[in-house]
Amino acid sequence: MAIHKDNCNKSLETITNIPTALKMKKTKRTPKKNALIIMIIGMFVIATSQIISHFVKLPDLAKGSFIGIGIGLLILSVIFGNFKTSK
């Protein structure tokens, strides 16, 4: 049983012809969505630092750094999320 060259090309063509509905589309991130992600990360950093410092003795520099980074991310998210819509 020999496979003809034409049959191989046809099967390859059917594999590569994926309908456009099945292709993954890139979603555009809006500034509001980015601000929400940054806010969640900031809250997570602060909460994680509090939990870790409860169980493990952290130096003051580490505590302050984690809290400062978290607050900085929260402020950054407020600035990024504060866009006025044009009328």
PDB file of N, CA and C in Angstrom:
ATOM      1  N   MET A   1       0.853  -1.163   0.000  1.00  0.00           N
ATOM      2  CA  MET A   1       0.000   0.000   0.000  1.00  0.00           C
ATOM      3  C   MET A   1       0.901   1.229   0.000  1.00  0.00           C
ATOM      4  N   ALA A   2       0.876   1.935  -1.079  1.00  0.00           N
ATOM      5  CA  ALA A   2       1.733   3.109  -1.225  1.00  0.00           C
ATOM      6  C   ALA A   2       0.900   4.365  -1.007  1.00  0.00           C
ATOM      7  N   ILE A   3       1.512   5.332  -0.359  1.00  0.00           N
ATOM      8  CA  ILE A   3       0.849   6.618  -0.139  1.00  0.00           C
ATOM      9  C   ILE A   3       1.311   7.562  -1.230  1.00  0.00           C
ATOM     10  N   HIS A   4       0.352   8.106  -1.921  1.00  0.00           N
ATOM     11  CA  HIS A   4       0.693   9.029  -2.994  1.00  0.00           C
ATOM     12  C   HIS A   4       1.048  10.393  -2.422  1.00  0.00           C
ATOM     13  N   LYS A   5       1.881  11.092  -3.147  1.00  0.00           N
ATOM     14  CA  LYS A   5       2.323  12.410  -2.709  1.00  0.00           C
ATOM     15  C   LYS A   5       1.148  13.383  -2.629  1.00  0.00           C
ATOM     16  N   ASP A   6       0.182  13.231  -3.509  1.00  0.00           N
ATOM     17  CA  ASP A   6      -0.975  14.132  -3.510  1.00  0.00           C
ATOM     18  C   ASP A   6      -1.807  13.968  -2.242  1.00  0.00           C
ATOM     19  N   ASN A   7      -1.948  12.748  -1.746  1.00  0.00           N
ATOM     20  CA  ASN A   7      -2.726  12.512  -0.543  1.00  0.00           C
ATOM     21  C   ASN A   7      -2.067  13.142   0.677  1.00  0.00           C
ATOM     22  N   CYS A   8      -0.740  13.107   0.737  1.00  0.00           N
ATOM     23  CA  CYS A   8      -0.030  13.716   1.863  1.00  0.00           C
ATOM     24  C   CYS A   8      -0.231  15.222   1.868  1.00  0.00           C
ATOM     25  N   ASN A   9      -0.148  15.834   0.712  1.00  0.00           N
ATOM     26  CA  ASN A   9      -0.331  17.281   0.634  1.00  0.00           C
ATOM     27  C   ASN A   9      -1.748  17.680   1.014  1.00  0.00           C
ATOM     28  N   LYS A  10      -2.729  16.899   0.626  1.00  0.00           N
ATOM     29  CA  LYS A  10      -4.110  17.222   0.960  1.00  0.00           C
ATOM     30  C   LYS A  10      -4.349  17.127   2.463  1.00  0.00           C
ATOM     31  N   SER A  11      -3.794  16.103   3.097  1.00  0.00           N
ATOM     32  CA  SER A  11      -4.005  15.968   4.536  1.00  0.00           C
ATOM     33  C   SER A  11      -3.295  17.083   5.290  1.00  0.00           C
ATOM     34  N   LEU A  12      -2.133  17.507   4.810  1.00  0.00           N
ATOM     35  CA  LEU A  12      -1.425  18.618   5.435  1.00  0.00           C
ATOM     36  C   LEU A  12      -2.219  19.906   5.278  1.00  0.00           C
ATOM     37  N   GLU A  13      -2.834  20.092   4.118  1.00  0.00           N
ATOM     38  CA  GLU A  13      -3.639  21.291   3.896  1.00  0.00           C
ATOM     39  C   GLU A  13      -4.846  21.322   4.823  1.00  0.00           C
ATOM     40  N   THR A  14      -5.465  20.183   5.067  1.00  0.00           N
ATOM     41  CA  THR A  14      -6.638  20.177   5.937  1.00  0.00           C
ATOM     42  C   THR A  14      -6.251  20.443   7.384  1.00  0.00           C
ATOM     43  N   ILE A  15      -5.051  20.041   7.770  1.00  0.00           N
ATOM     44  CA  ILE A  15      -4.606  20.305   9.135  1.00  0.00           C
ATOM     45  C   ILE A  15      -4.312  21.793   9.322  1.00  0.00           C
ATOM     46  N   THR A  16      -3.693  22.409   8.331  1.00  0.00           N
ATOM     47  CA  THR A  16      -3.299  23.812   8.481  1.00  0.00           C
ATOM     48  C   THR A  16      -4.442  24.770   8.248  1.00  0.00           C
ATOM     49  N   ASN A  17      -5.525  24.349   7.665  1.00  0.00           N
ATOM     50  CA  ASN A  17      -6.670  25.230   7.433  1.00  0.00           C
ATOM     51  C   ASN A  17      -7.590  25.222   8.641  1.00  0.00           C
ATOM     52  N   ILE A  18      -7.174  25.877   9.698  1.00  0.00           N
ATOM     53  CA  ILE A  18      -7.974  25.973  10.912  1.00  0.00           C
ATOM     54  C   ILE A  18      -8.940  27.136  10.738  1.00  0.00           C
ATOM     55  N   PRO A  19     -10.197  26.936  11.043  1.00  0.00           N
ATOM     56  CA  PRO A  19     -11.146  28.034  10.922  1.00  0.00           C
ATOM     57  C   PRO A  19     -10.738  29.213  11.808  1.00  0.00           C
ATOM     58  N   THR A  20     -11.047  30.408  11.349  1.00  0.00           N
ATOM     59  CA  THR A  20     -10.635  31.603  12.091  1.00  0.00           C
ATOM     60  C   THR A  20     -11.341  31.709  13.438  1.00  0.00           C
ATOM     61  N   ALA A  21     -12.490  31.072  13.585  1.00  0.00           N
ATOM     62  CA  ALA A  21     -13.192  31.132  14.866  1.00  0.00           C
ATOM     63  C   ALA A  21     -12.436  30.361  15.947  1.00  0.00           C
ATOM     64  N   LEU A  22     -11.670  29.346  15.552  1.00  0.00           N
ATOM     65  CA  LEU A  22     -10.951  28.554  16.528  1.00  0.00           C
ATOM     66  C   LEU A  22      -9.592  29.134  16.885  1.00  0.00           C
ATOM     67  N   LYS A  23      -9.089  30.051  16.065  1.00  0.00           N
ATOM     68  CA  LYS A  23      -7.784  30.640  16.362  1.00  0.00           C
ATOM     69  C   LYS A  23      -7.894  31.522  17.586  1.00  0.00           C
ATOM     70  N   MET A  24      -6.832  31.533  18.376  1.00  0.00           N
ATOM     71  CA  MET A  24      -6.842  32.341  19.587  1.00  0.00           C
ATOM     72  C   MET A  24      -6.640  33.804  19.225  1.00  0.00           C
ATOM     73  N   LYS A  25      -7.480  34.629  19.769  1.00  0.00           N
ATOM     74  CA  LYS A  25      -7.388  36.060  19.521  1.00  0.00           C
ATOM     75  C   LYS A  25      -6.709  36.722  20.699  1.00  0.00           C
ATOM     76  N   LYS A  26      -5.896  37.717  20.412  1.00  0.00           N
ATOM     77  CA  LYS A  26      -5.273  38.476  21.477  1.00  0.00           C
ATOM     78  C   LYS A  26      -6.285  39.466  22.017  1.00  0.00           C
ATOM     79  N   THR A  27      -6.401  39.491  23.336  1.00  0.00           N
ATOM     80  CA  THR A  27      -7.317  40.437  23.941  1.00  0.00           C
ATOM     81  C   THR A  27      -6.549  41.697  24.285  1.00  0.00           C
ATOM     82  N   LYS A  28      -7.160  42.817  24.007  1.00  0.00           N
ATOM     83  CA  LYS A  28      -6.526  44.084  24.334  1.00  0.00           C
ATOM     84  C   LYS A  28      -6.822  44.415  25.789  1.00  0.00           C
ATOM     85  N   ARG A  29      -5.785  44.766  26.510  1.00  0.00           N
ATOM     86  CA  ARG A  29      -5.971  45.142  27.902  1.00  0.00           C
ATOM     87  C   ARG A  29      -6.196  46.637  27.973  1.00  0.00           C
ATOM     88  N   THR A  30      -7.252  47.009  28.606  1.00  0.00           N
ATOM     89  CA  THR A  30      -7.545  48.417  28.786  1.00  0.00           C
ATOM     90  C   THR A  30      -6.784  48.936  29.991  1.00  0.00           C
ATOM     91  N   PRO A  31      -6.599  50.240  30.080  1.00  0.00           N
ATOM     92  CA  PRO A  31      -5.907  50.795  31.248  1.00  0.00           C
ATOM     93  C   PRO A  31      -6.616  50.465  32.559  1.00  0.00           C
ATOM     94  N   LYS A  32      -7.934  50.378  32.541  1.00  0.00           N
ATOM     95  CA  LYS A  32      -8.671  50.021  33.760  1.00  0.00           C
ATOM     96  C   LYS A  32      -8.340  48.598  34.196  1.00  0.00           C
ATOM     97  N   LYS A  33      -8.224  47.679  33.227  1.00  0.00           N
ATOM     98  CA  LYS A  33      -7.905  46.298  33.559  1.00  0.00           C
ATOM     99  C   LYS A  33      -6.480  46.190  34.090  1.00  0.00           C
ATOM    100  N   ASN A  34      -5.547  46.938  33.488  1.00  0.00           N
ATOM    101  CA  ASN A  34      -4.171  46.943  33.990  1.00  0.00           C
ATOM    102  C   ASN A  34      -4.120  47.503  35.403  1.00  0.00           C
ATOM    103  N   ALA A  35      -4.884  48.554  35.661  1.00  0.00           N
ATOM    104  CA  ALA A  35      -4.912  49.147  36.998  1.00  0.00           C
ATOM    105  C   ALA A  35      -5.464  48.160  38.016  1.00  0.00           C
ATOM    106  N   LEU A  36      -6.454  47.386  37.624  1.00  0.00           N
ATOM    107  CA  LEU A  36      -7.021  46.388  38.528  1.00  0.00           C
ATOM    108  C   LEU A  36      -6.007  45.293  38.840  1.00  0.00           C
ATOM    109  N   ILE A  37      -5.258  44.873  37.834  1.00  0.00           N
ATOM    110  CA  ILE A  37      -4.242  43.839  38.051  1.00  0.00           C
ATOM    111  C   ILE A  37      -3.151  44.362  38.983  1.00  0.00           C
ATOM    112  N   ILE A  38      -2.718  45.603  38.786  1.00  0.00           N
ATOM    113  CA  ILE A  38      -1.690  46.191  39.649  1.00  0.00           C
ATOM    114  C   ILE A  38      -2.211  46.328  41.081  1.00  0.00           C
ATOM    115  N   MET A  39      -3.477  46.685  41.233  1.00  0.00           N
ATOM    116  CA  MET A  39      -4.056  46.814  42.571  1.00  0.00           C
ATOM    117  C   MET A  39      -4.099  45.465  43.278  1.00  0.00           C
ATOM    118  N   ILE A  40      -4.469  44.429  42.577  1.00  0.00           N
ATOM    119  CA  ILE A  40      -4.524  43.098  43.169  1.00  0.00           C
ATOM    120  C   ILE A  40      -3.130  42.642  43.593  1.00  0.00           C
ATOM    121  N   ILE A  41      -2.134  42.904  42.757  1.00  0.00           N
ATOM    122  CA  ILE A  41      -0.764  42.519  43.097  1.00  0.00           C
ATOM    123  C   ILE A  41      -0.297  43.290  44.333  1.00  0.00           C
ATOM    124  N   GLY A  42      -0.615  44.577  44.419  1.00  0.00           N
ATOM    125  CA  GLY A  42      -0.228  45.379  45.578  1.00  0.00           C
ATOM    126  C   GLY A  42      -0.845  44.866  46.866  1.00  0.00           C
ATOM    127  N   MET A  43      -2.141  44.542  46.810  1.00  0.00           N
ATOM    128  CA  MET A  43      -2.792  43.997  48.004  1.00  0.00           C
ATOM    129  C   MET A  43      -2.215  42.639  48.385  1.00  0.00           C
ATOM    130  N   PHE A  44      -1.890  41.836  47.382  1.00  0.00           N
ATOM    131  CA  PHE A  44      -1.308  40.531  47.644  1.00  0.00           C
ATOM    132  C   PHE A  44       0.070  40.665  48.293  1.00  0.00           C
ATOM    133  N   VAL A  45       0.879  41.628  47.858  1.00  0.00           N
ATOM    134  CA  VAL A  45       2.208  41.825  48.442  1.00  0.00           C
ATOM    135  C   VAL A  45       2.088  42.231  49.904  1.00  0.00           C
ATOM    136  N   ILE A  46       1.177  43.154  50.202  1.00  0.00           N
ATOM    137  CA  ILE A  46       0.998  43.599  51.589  1.00  0.00           C
ATOM    138  C   ILE A  46       0.489  42.456  52.463  1.00  0.00           C
ATOM    139  N   ALA A  47      -0.511  41.738  51.980  1.00  0.00           N
ATOM    140  CA  ALA A  47      -1.071  40.635  52.770  1.00  0.00           C
ATOM    141  C   ALA A  47      -0.044  39.528  52.989  1.00  0.00           C
ATOM    142  N   THR A  48       0.716  39.211  51.963  1.00  0.00           N
ATOM    143  CA  THR A  48       1.733  38.171  52.088  1.00  0.00           C
ATOM    144  C   THR A  48       2.813  38.576  53.088  1.00  0.00           C
ATOM    145  N   SER A  49       3.228  39.833  53.048  1.00  0.00           N
ATOM    146  CA  SER A  49       4.259  40.278  53.983  1.00  0.00           C
ATOM    147  C   SER A  49       3.750  40.230  55.427  1.00  0.00           C
ATOM    148  N   GLN A  50       2.481  40.550  55.631  1.00  0.00           N
ATOM    149  CA  GLN A  50       1.914  40.468  56.974  1.00  0.00           C
ATOM    150  C   GLN A  50       1.854  39.027  57.476  1.00  0.00           C
ATOM    151  N   ILE A  51       1.448  38.122  56.606  1.00  0.00           N
ATOM    152  CA  ILE A  51       1.351  36.711  56.989  1.00  0.00           C
ATOM    153  C   ILE A  51       2.730  36.136  57.281  1.00  0.00           C
ATOM    154  N   ILE A  52       3.697  36.441  56.419  1.00  0.00           N
ATOM    155  CA  ILE A  52       5.049  35.922  56.628  1.00  0.00           C
ATOM    156  C   ILE A  52       5.651  36.494  57.906  1.00  0.00           C
ATOM    157  N   SER A  53       5.443  37.786  58.167  1.00  0.00           N
ATOM    158  CA  SER A  53       6.031  38.387  59.366  1.00  0.00           C
ATOM    159  C   SER A  53       5.366  37.867  60.642  1.00  0.00           C
ATOM    160  N   HIS A  54       4.167  37.312  60.526  1.00  0.00           N
ATOM    161  CA  HIS A  54       3.508  36.725  61.694  1.00  0.00           C
ATOM    162  C   HIS A  54       4.192  35.424  62.121  1.00  0.00           C
ATOM    163  N   PHE A  55       4.633  34.634  61.136  1.00  0.00           N
ATOM    164  CA  PHE A  55       5.219  33.332  61.427  1.00  0.00           C
ATOM    165  C   PHE A  55       6.743  33.349  61.475  1.00  0.00           C
ATOM    166  N   VAL A  56       7.371  34.272  60.749  1.00  0.00           N
ATOM    167  CA  VAL A  56       8.830  34.317  60.657  1.00  0.00           C
ATOM    168  C   VAL A  56       9.292  35.696  61.093  1.00  0.00           C
ATOM    169  N   LYS A  57      10.375  35.751  61.821  1.00  0.00           N
ATOM    170  CA  LYS A  57      10.919  37.038  62.254  1.00  0.00           C
ATOM    171  C   LYS A  57      11.635  37.692  61.067  1.00  0.00           C
ATOM    172  N   LEU A  58      11.026  38.749  60.547  1.00  0.00           N
ATOM    173  CA  LEU A  58      11.621  39.497  59.437  1.00  0.00           C
ATOM    174  C   LEU A  58      12.292  40.756  59.974  1.00  0.00           C
ATOM    175  N   PRO A  59      13.396  41.151  59.376  1.00  0.00           N
ATOM    176  CA  PRO A  59      13.994  42.425  59.772  1.00  0.00           C
ATOM    177  C   PRO A  59      13.089  43.594  59.386  1.00  0.00           C
ATOM    178  N   ASP A  60      13.303  44.709  60.051  1.00  0.00           N
ATOM    179  CA  ASP A  60      12.467  45.883  59.772  1.00  0.00           C
ATOM    180  C   ASP A  60      12.617  46.361  58.335  1.00  0.00           C
ATOM    181  N   LEU A  61      13.813  46.203  57.776  1.00  0.00           N
ATOM    182  CA  LEU A  61      14.039  46.609  56.392  1.00  0.00           C
ATOM    183  C   LEU A  61      13.167  45.800  55.432  1.00  0.00           C
ATOM    184  N   ALA A  62      13.063  44.503  55.657  1.00  0.00           N
ATOM    185  CA  ALA A  62      12.250  43.644  54.790  1.00  0.00           C
ATOM    186  C   ALA A  62      10.769  43.984  54.939  1.00  0.00           C
ATOM    187  N   LYS A  63      10.306  44.157  56.191  1.00  0.00           N
ATOM    188  CA  LYS A  63       8.893  44.521  56.405  1.00  0.00           C
ATOM    189  C   LYS A  63       8.557  45.830  55.704  1.00  0.00           C
ATOM    190  N   GLY A  64       9.407  46.815  55.935  1.00  0.00           N
ATOM    191  CA  GLY A  64       9.161  48.125  55.329  1.00  0.00           C
ATOM    192  C   GLY A  64       9.225  48.097  53.817  1.00  0.00           C
ATOM    193  N   SER A  65      10.137  47.301  53.281  1.00  0.00           N
ATOM    194  CA  SER A  65      10.249  47.200  51.822  1.00  0.00           C
ATOM    195  C   SER A  65       9.005  46.578  51.212  1.00  0.00           C
ATOM    196  N   PHE A  66       8.540  45.484  51.807  1.00  0.00           N
ATOM    197  CA  PHE A  66       7.348  44.830  51.264  1.00  0.00           C
ATOM    198  C   PHE A  66       6.118  45.735  51.368  1.00  0.00           C
ATOM    199  N   ILE A  67       5.945  46.369  52.503  1.00  0.00           N
ATOM    200  CA  ILE A  67       4.784  47.252  52.670  1.00  0.00           C
ATOM    201  C   ILE A  67       4.906  48.452  51.725  1.00  0.00           C
ATOM    202  N   GLY A  68       6.118  48.975  51.587  1.00  0.00           N
ATOM    203  CA  GLY A  68       6.325  50.112  50.689  1.00  0.00           C
ATOM    204  C   GLY A  68       6.064  49.770  49.240  1.00  0.00           C
ATOM    205  N   ILE A  69       6.504  48.601  48.820  1.00  0.00           N
ATOM    206  CA  ILE A  69       6.241  48.165  47.444  1.00  0.00           C
ATOM    207  C   ILE A  69       4.744  47.983  47.235  1.00  0.00           C
ATOM    208  N   GLY A  70       4.062  47.392  48.214  1.00  0.00           N
ATOM    209  CA  GLY A  70       2.613  47.193  48.096  1.00  0.00           C
ATOM    210  C   GLY A  70       1.860  48.505  48.018  1.00  0.00           C
ATOM    211  N   ILE A  71       2.228  49.457  48.873  1.00  0.00           N
ATOM    212  CA  ILE A  71       1.560  50.768  48.847  1.00  0.00           C
ATOM    213  C   ILE A  71       1.875  51.497  47.542  1.00  0.00           C
ATOM    214  N   GLY A  72       3.116  51.366  47.089  1.00  0.00           N
ATOM    215  CA  GLY A  72       3.481  51.981  45.812  1.00  0.00           C
ATOM    216  C   GLY A  72       2.667  51.433  44.659  1.00  0.00           C
ATOM    217  N   LEU A  73       2.454  50.124  44.646  1.00  0.00           N
ATOM    218  CA  LEU A  73       1.629  49.528  43.592  1.00  0.00           C
ATOM    219  C   LEU A  73       0.175  49.979  43.696  1.00  0.00           C
ATOM    220  N   LEU A  74      -0.329  50.119  44.922  1.00  0.00           N
ATOM    221  CA  LEU A  74      -1.712  50.593  45.087  1.00  0.00           C
ATOM    222  C   LEU A  74      -1.861  52.022  44.584  1.00  0.00           C
ATOM    223  N   ILE A  75      -0.901  52.874  44.905  1.00  0.00           N
ATOM    224  CA  ILE A  75      -0.959  54.265  44.424  1.00  0.00           C
ATOM    225  C   ILE A  75      -0.834  54.307  42.899  1.00  0.00           C
ATOM    226  N   LEU A  76       0.042  53.472  42.359  1.00  0.00           N
ATOM    227  CA  LEU A  76       0.210  53.408  40.913  1.00  0.00           C
ATOM    228  C   LEU A  76      -1.082  52.971  40.230  1.00  0.00           C
ATOM    229  N   SER A  77      -1.792  52.033  40.833  1.00  0.00           N
ATOM    230  CA  SER A  77      -3.049  51.581  40.232  1.00  0.00           C
ATOM    231  C   SER A  77      -4.111  52.672  40.278  1.00  0.00           C
ATOM    232  N   VAL A  78      -4.110  53.473  41.330  1.00  0.00           N
ATOM    233  CA  VAL A  78      -5.077  54.578  41.403  1.00  0.00           C
ATOM    234  C   VAL A  78      -4.770  55.612  40.329  1.00  0.00           C
ATOM    235  N   ILE A  79      -3.498  55.877  40.101  1.00  0.00           N
ATOM    236  CA  ILE A  79      -3.119  56.856  39.074  1.00  0.00           C
ATOM    237  C   ILE A  79      -3.463  56.329  37.689  1.00  0.00           C
ATOM    238  N   PHE A  80      -3.147  55.051  37.401  1.00  0.00           N
ATOM    239  CA  PHE A  80      -3.438  54.486  36.085  1.00  0.00           C
ATOM    240  C   PHE A  80      -4.933  54.328  35.835  1.00  0.00           C
ATOM    241  N   GLY A  81      -5.701  54.054  36.845  1.00  0.00           N
ATOM    242  CA  GLY A  81      -7.131  53.822  36.676  1.00  0.00           C
ATOM    243  C   GLY A  81      -7.967  55.074  36.623  1.00  0.00           C
ATOM    244  N   ASN A  82      -7.335  56.228  36.766  1.00  0.00           N
ATOM    245  CA  ASN A  82      -8.081  57.487  36.843  1.00  0.00           C
ATOM    246  C   ASN A  82      -8.096  58.205  35.499  1.00  0.00           C
ATOM    247  N   PHE A  83      -8.597  57.552  34.473  1.00  0.00           N
ATOM    248  CA  PHE A  83      -8.700  58.163  33.156  1.00  0.00           C
ATOM    249  C   PHE A  83     -10.123  58.658  32.940  1.00  0.00           C
ATOM    250  N   LYS A  84     -10.237  59.856  32.466  1.00  0.00           N
ATOM    251  CA  LYS A  84     -11.559  60.413  32.159  1.00  0.00           C
ATOM    252  C   LYS A  84     -11.961  59.988  30.759  1.00  0.00           C
ATOM    253  N   THR A  85     -13.218  59.646  30.597  1.00  0.00           N
ATOM    254  CA  THR A  85     -13.707  59.289  29.273  1.00  0.00           C
ATOM    255  C   THR A  85     -14.090  60.568  28.535  1.00  0.00           C
ATOM    256  N   SER A  86     -13.777  60.612  27.258  1.00  0.00           N
ATOM    257  CA  SER A  86     -14.099  61.804  26.475  1.00  0.00           C
ATOM    258  C   SER A  86     -15.559  61.761  26.044  1.00  0.00           C
ATOM    259  N   LYS A  87     -16.158  62.916  25.986  1.00  0.00           N
ATOM    260  CA  LYS A  87     -17.569  63.005  25.607  1.00  0.00           C
ATOM    261  C   LYS A  87     -17.718  63.369  24.157  1.00  0.00           C
TER     262      LYS A  87
END
